[in-house]
Amino acid sequence: MDPLARKTSPLSVPPPRSTRFGSPLVLSRVHWVEPKLVAEITYLTWTADNLLRHTVYVGLREDKPADQVRRDC
């Protein structure tokens, strides 16, 4: 992962610092990496605080570059 390391988040919207699950996110402890792989997942729904419920990993998508991935509405 070291070759992909970066100091700032690659996300256009920052992750929530607190959620109803466990302890709050401490951004200073996050290790950001360049987005290079695209994973396909299935999920039940998006929550009100923009989290996915009941996710299942389907596999890697080699047909789509990471910089072209957007949230499906």
C-alpha atoms as a PDB file:
ATOM      1  CA  MET A   1       0.000   0.000   0.000  1.00  0.00           C
ATOM      2  CA  ASP A   2       2.923   2.374   0.500  1.00  0.00           C
ATOM      3  CA  PRO A   3       3.214   3.247  -3.226  1.00  0.00           C
ATOM      4  CA  LEU A   4      -0.449   4.311  -3.194  1.00  0.00           C
ATOM      5  CA  ALA A   5      -0.230   6.380   0.007  1.00  0.00           C
ATOM      6  CA  ARG A   6      -1.404   9.983   0.012  1.00  0.00           C
ATOM      7  CA  LYS A   7      -1.782  12.629   2.737  1.00  0.00           C
ATOM      8  CA  THR A   8      -5.282  13.823   1.887  1.00  0.00           C
ATOM      9  CA  SER A   9      -8.617  12.146   1.277  1.00  0.00           C
ATOM     10  CA  PRO A  10      -9.443  11.281  -2.340  1.00  0.00           C
ATOM     11  CA  LEU A  11     -13.155  11.608  -1.526  1.00  0.00           C
ATOM     12  CA  SER A  12     -15.163  14.577  -2.804  1.00  0.00           C
ATOM     13  CA  VAL A  13     -17.323  14.465   0.343  1.00  0.00           C
ATOM     14  CA  PRO A  14     -15.507  13.889   3.642  1.00  0.00           C
ATOM     15  CA  PRO A  15     -16.530  10.843   5.676  1.00  0.00           C
ATOM     16  CA  PRO A  16     -18.688  11.469   8.744  1.00  0.00           C
ATOM     17  CA  ARG A  17     -16.686  11.912  11.944  1.00  0.00           C
ATOM     18  CA  SER A  18     -19.351  10.296  14.052  1.00  0.00           C
ATOM     19  CA  THR A  19     -21.916   7.626  13.408  1.00  0.00           C
ATOM     20  CA  ARG A  20     -24.270   5.603  15.495  1.00  0.00           C
ATOM     21  CA  PHE A  21     -21.884   2.638  15.178  1.00  0.00           C
ATOM     22  CA  GLY A  22     -19.057   2.412  17.719  1.00  0.00           C
ATOM     23  CA  SER A  23     -16.508   5.139  18.317  1.00  0.00           C
ATOM     24  CA  PRO A  24     -16.148   8.297  16.215  1.00  0.00           C
ATOM     25  CA  LEU A  25     -13.837   8.338  13.208  1.00  0.00           C
ATOM     26  CA  VAL A  26     -10.489   9.970  14.011  1.00  0.00           C
ATOM     27  CA  LEU A  27      -9.345  11.346  10.655  1.00  0.00           C
ATOM     28  CA  SER A  28      -5.768  11.849  11.867  1.00  0.00           C
ATOM     29  CA  ARG A  29      -5.498   8.052  12.202  1.00  0.00           C
ATOM     30  CA  VAL A  30      -6.793   7.299   8.702  1.00  0.00           C
ATOM     31  CA  HIS A  31      -4.298   6.085   6.079  1.00  0.00           C
ATOM     32  CA  TRP A  32      -5.479   7.353   2.706  1.00  0.00           C
ATOM     33  CA  VAL A  33      -4.507   5.656  -0.560  1.00  0.00           C
ATOM     34  CA  GLU A  34      -5.003   6.493  -4.233  1.00  0.00           C
ATOM     35  CA  PRO A  35      -8.185   4.879  -5.562  1.00  0.00           C
ATOM     36  CA  LYS A  36      -7.026   2.336  -8.158  1.00  0.00           C
ATOM     37  CA  LEU A  37      -9.339  -0.669  -7.795  1.00  0.00           C
ATOM     38  CA  VAL A  38     -13.094  -0.755  -8.309  1.00  0.00           C
ATOM     39  CA  ALA A  39     -15.170  -3.235  -6.332  1.00  0.00           C
ATOM     40  CA  GLU A  40     -18.736  -4.163  -7.174  1.00  0.00           C
ATOM     41  CA  ILE A  41     -20.994  -4.563  -4.173  1.00  0.00           C
ATOM     42  CA  THR A  42     -24.662  -5.144  -3.557  1.00  0.00           C
ATOM     43  CA  TYR A  43     -26.479  -3.522  -0.663  1.00  0.00           C
ATOM     44  CA  LEU A  44     -29.921  -3.272   0.863  1.00  0.00           C
ATOM     45  CA  THR A  45     -30.161   0.520   1.182  1.00  0.00           C
ATOM     46  CA  TRP A  46     -28.408   3.801   1.962  1.00  0.00           C
ATOM     47  CA  THR A  47     -28.998   5.117   5.483  1.00  0.00           C
ATOM     48  CA  ALA A  48     -29.906   8.733   6.298  1.00  0.00           C
ATOM     49  CA  ASP A  49     -26.258   9.340   7.295  1.00  0.00           C
ATOM     50  CA  ASN A  50     -24.940   8.044   3.922  1.00  0.00           C
ATOM     51  CA  LEU A  51     -23.830   4.599   5.025  1.00  0.00           C
ATOM     52  CA  LEU A  52     -24.613   1.364   3.193  1.00  0.00           C
ATOM     53  CA  ARG A  53     -26.657  -1.323   4.944  1.00  0.00           C
ATOM     54  CA  HIS A  54     -26.105  -5.065   4.469  1.00  0.00           C
ATOM     55  CA  THR A  55     -23.308  -4.929   1.907  1.00  0.00           C
ATOM     56  CA  VAL A  56     -22.037  -7.938  -0.046  1.00  0.00           C
ATOM     57  CA  TYR A  57     -18.773  -7.962  -2.016  1.00  0.00           C
ATOM     58  CA  VAL A  58     -19.414  -9.214  -5.573  1.00  0.00           C
ATOM     59  CA  GLY A  59     -15.960  -8.824  -7.124  1.00  0.00           C
ATOM     60  CA  LEU A  60     -13.506  -6.484  -8.793  1.00  0.00           C
ATOM     61  CA  ARG A  61     -14.531  -4.464 -11.845  1.00  0.00           C
ATOM     62  CA  GLU A  62     -11.735  -4.235 -14.390  1.00  0.00           C
ATOM     63  CA  ASP A  63     -13.962  -2.558 -16.993  1.00  0.00           C
ATOM     64  CA  LYS A  64     -14.288   0.752 -15.127  1.00  0.00           C
ATOM     65  CA  PRO A  65     -11.475   3.107 -14.022  1.00  0.00           C
ATOM     66  CA  ALA A  66     -11.659   4.240 -10.386  1.00  0.00           C
ATOM     67  CA  ASP A  67     -11.823   7.930 -11.333  1.00  0.00           C
ATOM     68  CA  GLN A  68     -15.076   7.343 -13.268  1.00  0.00           C
ATOM     69  CA  VAL A  69     -17.002   5.704 -10.417  1.00  0.00           C
ATOM     70  CA  ARG A  70     -19.977   7.632  -9.061  1.00  0.00           C
ATOM     71  CA  ARG A  71     -22.675   6.782  -6.551  1.00  0.00           C
ATOM     72  CA  ASP A  72     -25.691   5.124  -8.161  1.00  0.00           C
ATOM     73  CA  CYS A  73     -28.913   6.915  -7.296  1.00  0.00           C
END
